[in-house]
Each structure stands twice: as structure tokens, then as C-alpha cells.
Amino acid sequence: MRLHASEKQEQQAILELLRLVKARVYVLGTVRPKGDYPGTRQTPGLPDLEAWLPHGNGCHLLKIEVKAVGGRLSDAQRPGG
């Protein structure tokens, strides 16, 4: 029995919550064919998700780096990295 969700499961739960509150969500990254390089081939440090949250007559930008329990940020993902 798995006690912790995978990063993919965590990201899906976050997506569902953001969409529930009517956020416009963008997933940064790619789905790679099995056996291909697992990275996104994007600029290092970009977050996994960007969401525009409605607020009054405007919106707020939220950037989210998803990690499973025990996951670590790369140097490029750290503030000031």
C-alpha cells in the first residue's frame, strides 16, 4: 500500500483544486514517450504549473513547483537560483 502520492498524483490534485476555484491553469512541461529523456527540455527553474486566480476585477499569478514527499528543489528552482 502506497502512503504518499507520486508527483504526478500531487500535480493532478492541485490542478483539480485550482480549476474548482475557477483558476486558469497552465502546465509547463511535456509528456515524453516511454524510454525518452525524462526531463522537460525547458529552461531550468521554470515551475510545473502557472495559474491565474480570479480576484475582484483582476487576477493573481501563482507559480507552483510540484514535488512528491521527499522531493527536492534543484538549484535553479530555489529562490535566487
C-alpha atoms as a PDB file:
ATOM      1  CA  MET A   1       0.000   0.000   0.000  1.00  0.00           C
ATOM      2  CA  ARG A   2       1.382   3.388  -1.014  1.00  0.00           C
ATOM      3  CA  LEU A   3       1.251   6.010   1.737  1.00  0.00           C
ATOM      4  CA  HIS A   4       2.381   9.008  -0.314  1.00  0.00           C
ATOM      5  CA  ALA A   5       1.169  10.283  -3.657  1.00  0.00           C
ATOM      6  CA  SER A   6       3.530  10.471  -6.609  1.00  0.00           C
ATOM      7  CA  GLU A   7       4.474  13.862  -8.042  1.00  0.00           C
ATOM      8  CA  LYS A   8       2.079  13.234 -10.928  1.00  0.00           C
ATOM      9  CA  GLN A   9      -0.774  12.491  -8.485  1.00  0.00           C
ATOM     10  CA  GLU A  10       0.065  15.579  -6.416  1.00  0.00           C
ATOM     11  CA  GLN A  11       0.023  17.730  -9.551  1.00  0.00           C
ATOM     12  CA  GLN A  12      -3.349  16.317 -10.639  1.00  0.00           C
ATOM     13  CA  ALA A  13      -4.881  17.099  -7.221  1.00  0.00           C
ATOM     14  CA  ILE A  14      -3.530  20.665  -7.379  1.00  0.00           C
ATOM     15  CA  LEU A  15      -4.921  21.088 -10.916  1.00  0.00           C
ATOM     16  CA  GLU A  16      -8.357  19.921  -9.795  1.00  0.00           C
ATOM     17  CA  LEU A  17      -8.372  22.312  -6.829  1.00  0.00           C
ATOM     18  CA  LEU A  18      -7.277  25.285  -8.917  1.00  0.00           C
ATOM     19  CA  ARG A  19      -9.901  24.578 -11.559  1.00  0.00           C
ATOM     20  CA  LEU A  20     -12.527  24.257  -8.818  1.00  0.00           C
ATOM     21  CA  VAL A  21     -11.827  27.866  -7.822  1.00  0.00           C
ATOM     22  CA  LYS A  22     -12.035  28.911 -11.492  1.00  0.00           C
ATOM     23  CA  ALA A  23      -8.312  29.482 -11.995  1.00  0.00           C
ATOM     24  CA  ARG A  24      -6.865  29.360 -15.482  1.00  0.00           C
ATOM     25  CA  VAL A  25      -4.074  26.790 -15.206  1.00  0.00           C
ATOM     26  CA  TYR A  26      -1.117  26.137 -17.500  1.00  0.00           C
ATOM     27  CA  VAL A  27       1.032  23.028 -17.184  1.00  0.00           C
ATOM     28  CA  LEU A  28       4.643  23.762 -18.089  1.00  0.00           C
ATOM     29  CA  GLY A  29       6.425  20.692 -19.282  1.00  0.00           C
ATOM     30  CA  THR A  30       5.892  17.877 -21.679  1.00  0.00           C
ATOM     31  CA  VAL A  31       4.773  14.297 -21.720  1.00  0.00           C
ATOM     32  CA  ARG A  32       7.671  12.297 -23.116  1.00  0.00           C
ATOM     33  CA  PRO A  33       7.376   8.977 -24.944  1.00  0.00           C
ATOM     34  CA  LYS A  34       8.358   5.972 -22.834  1.00  0.00           C
ATOM     35  CA  GLY A  35      12.116   5.460 -22.948  1.00  0.00           C
ATOM     36  CA  ASP A  36      12.804   9.061 -23.979  1.00  0.00           C
ATOM     37  CA  TYR A  37      14.731  11.544 -21.822  1.00  0.00           C
ATOM     38  CA  PRO A  38      12.523  12.202 -18.729  1.00  0.00           C
ATOM     39  CA  GLY A  39      13.225  15.951 -18.461  1.00  0.00           C
ATOM     40  CA  THR A  40      11.050  18.705 -19.885  1.00  0.00           C
ATOM     41  CA  ARG A  41      13.780  20.274 -22.031  1.00  0.00           C
ATOM     42  CA  GLN A  42      12.635  23.669 -20.802  1.00  0.00           C
ATOM     43  CA  THR A  43      14.574  26.455 -19.162  1.00  0.00           C
ATOM     44  CA  PRO A  44      15.845  25.193 -15.789  1.00  0.00           C
ATOM     45  CA  GLY A  45      13.920  26.683 -12.883  1.00  0.00           C
ATOM     46  CA  LEU A  46      10.520  27.041 -14.568  1.00  0.00           C
ATOM     47  CA  PRO A  47       7.704  25.843 -12.280  1.00  0.00           C
ATOM     48  CA  ASP A  48       5.457  22.886 -13.095  1.00  0.00           C
ATOM     49  CA  LEU A  49       2.264  24.967 -13.040  1.00  0.00           C
ATOM     50  CA  GLU A  50       1.206  28.565 -13.533  1.00  0.00           C
ATOM     51  CA  ALA A  51      -2.286  29.613 -12.528  1.00  0.00           C
ATOM     52  CA  TRP A  52      -4.173  32.865 -12.883  1.00  0.00           C
ATOM     53  CA  LEU A  53      -6.504  33.159  -9.888  1.00  0.00           C
ATOM     54  CA  PRO A  54      -9.522  35.448 -10.264  1.00  0.00           C
ATOM     55  CA  HIS A  55      -9.539  38.275  -7.718  1.00  0.00           C
ATOM     56  CA  GLY A  56     -12.049  41.107  -7.851  1.00  0.00           C
ATOM     57  CA  ASN A  57     -11.761  42.737 -11.269  1.00  0.00           C
ATOM     58  CA  GLY A  58      -8.298  41.261 -11.850  1.00  0.00           C
ATOM     59  CA  CYS A  59      -6.284  38.178 -11.063  1.00  0.00           C
ATOM     60  CA  HIS A  60      -3.180  36.945  -9.273  1.00  0.00           C
ATOM     61  CA  LEU A  61      -0.443  34.825 -10.815  1.00  0.00           C
ATOM     62  CA  LEU A  62       0.543  31.734  -8.848  1.00  0.00           C
ATOM     63  CA  LYS A  63       3.578  29.635  -9.821  1.00  0.00           C
ATOM     64  CA  ILE A  64       3.832  26.129  -8.393  1.00  0.00           C
ATOM     65  CA  GLU A  65       6.701  23.653  -8.362  1.00  0.00           C
ATOM     66  CA  VAL A  66       5.229  20.252  -7.521  1.00  0.00           C
ATOM     67  CA  LYS A  67       7.242  17.740  -5.525  1.00  0.00           C
ATOM     68  CA  ALA A  68       6.253  14.388  -4.081  1.00  0.00           C
ATOM     69  CA  VAL A  69       7.021  13.821  -0.412  1.00  0.00           C
ATOM     70  CA  GLY A  70      10.796  13.810  -0.059  1.00  0.00           C
ATOM     71  CA  GLY A  71      11.327  15.555  -3.417  1.00  0.00           C
ATOM     72  CA  ARG A  72      13.995  18.250  -3.602  1.00  0.00           C
ATOM     73  CA  LEU A  73      14.267  21.513  -5.479  1.00  0.00           C
ATOM     74  CA  SER A  74      17.091  21.835  -7.979  1.00  0.00           C
ATOM     75  CA  ASP A  75      19.414  24.814  -7.578  1.00  0.00           C
ATOM     76  CA  ALA A  76      17.614  26.547 -10.478  1.00  0.00           C
ATOM     77  CA  GLN A  77      14.243  26.127  -8.698  1.00  0.00           C
ATOM     78  CA  ARG A  78      15.394  27.791  -5.479  1.00  0.00           C
ATOM     79  CA  PRO A  79      14.671  31.486  -4.961  1.00  0.00           C
ATOM     80  CA  GLY A  80      17.644  33.429  -6.252  1.00  0.00           C
ATOM     81  CA  GLY A  81      18.849  30.281  -8.076  1.00  0.00           C
END
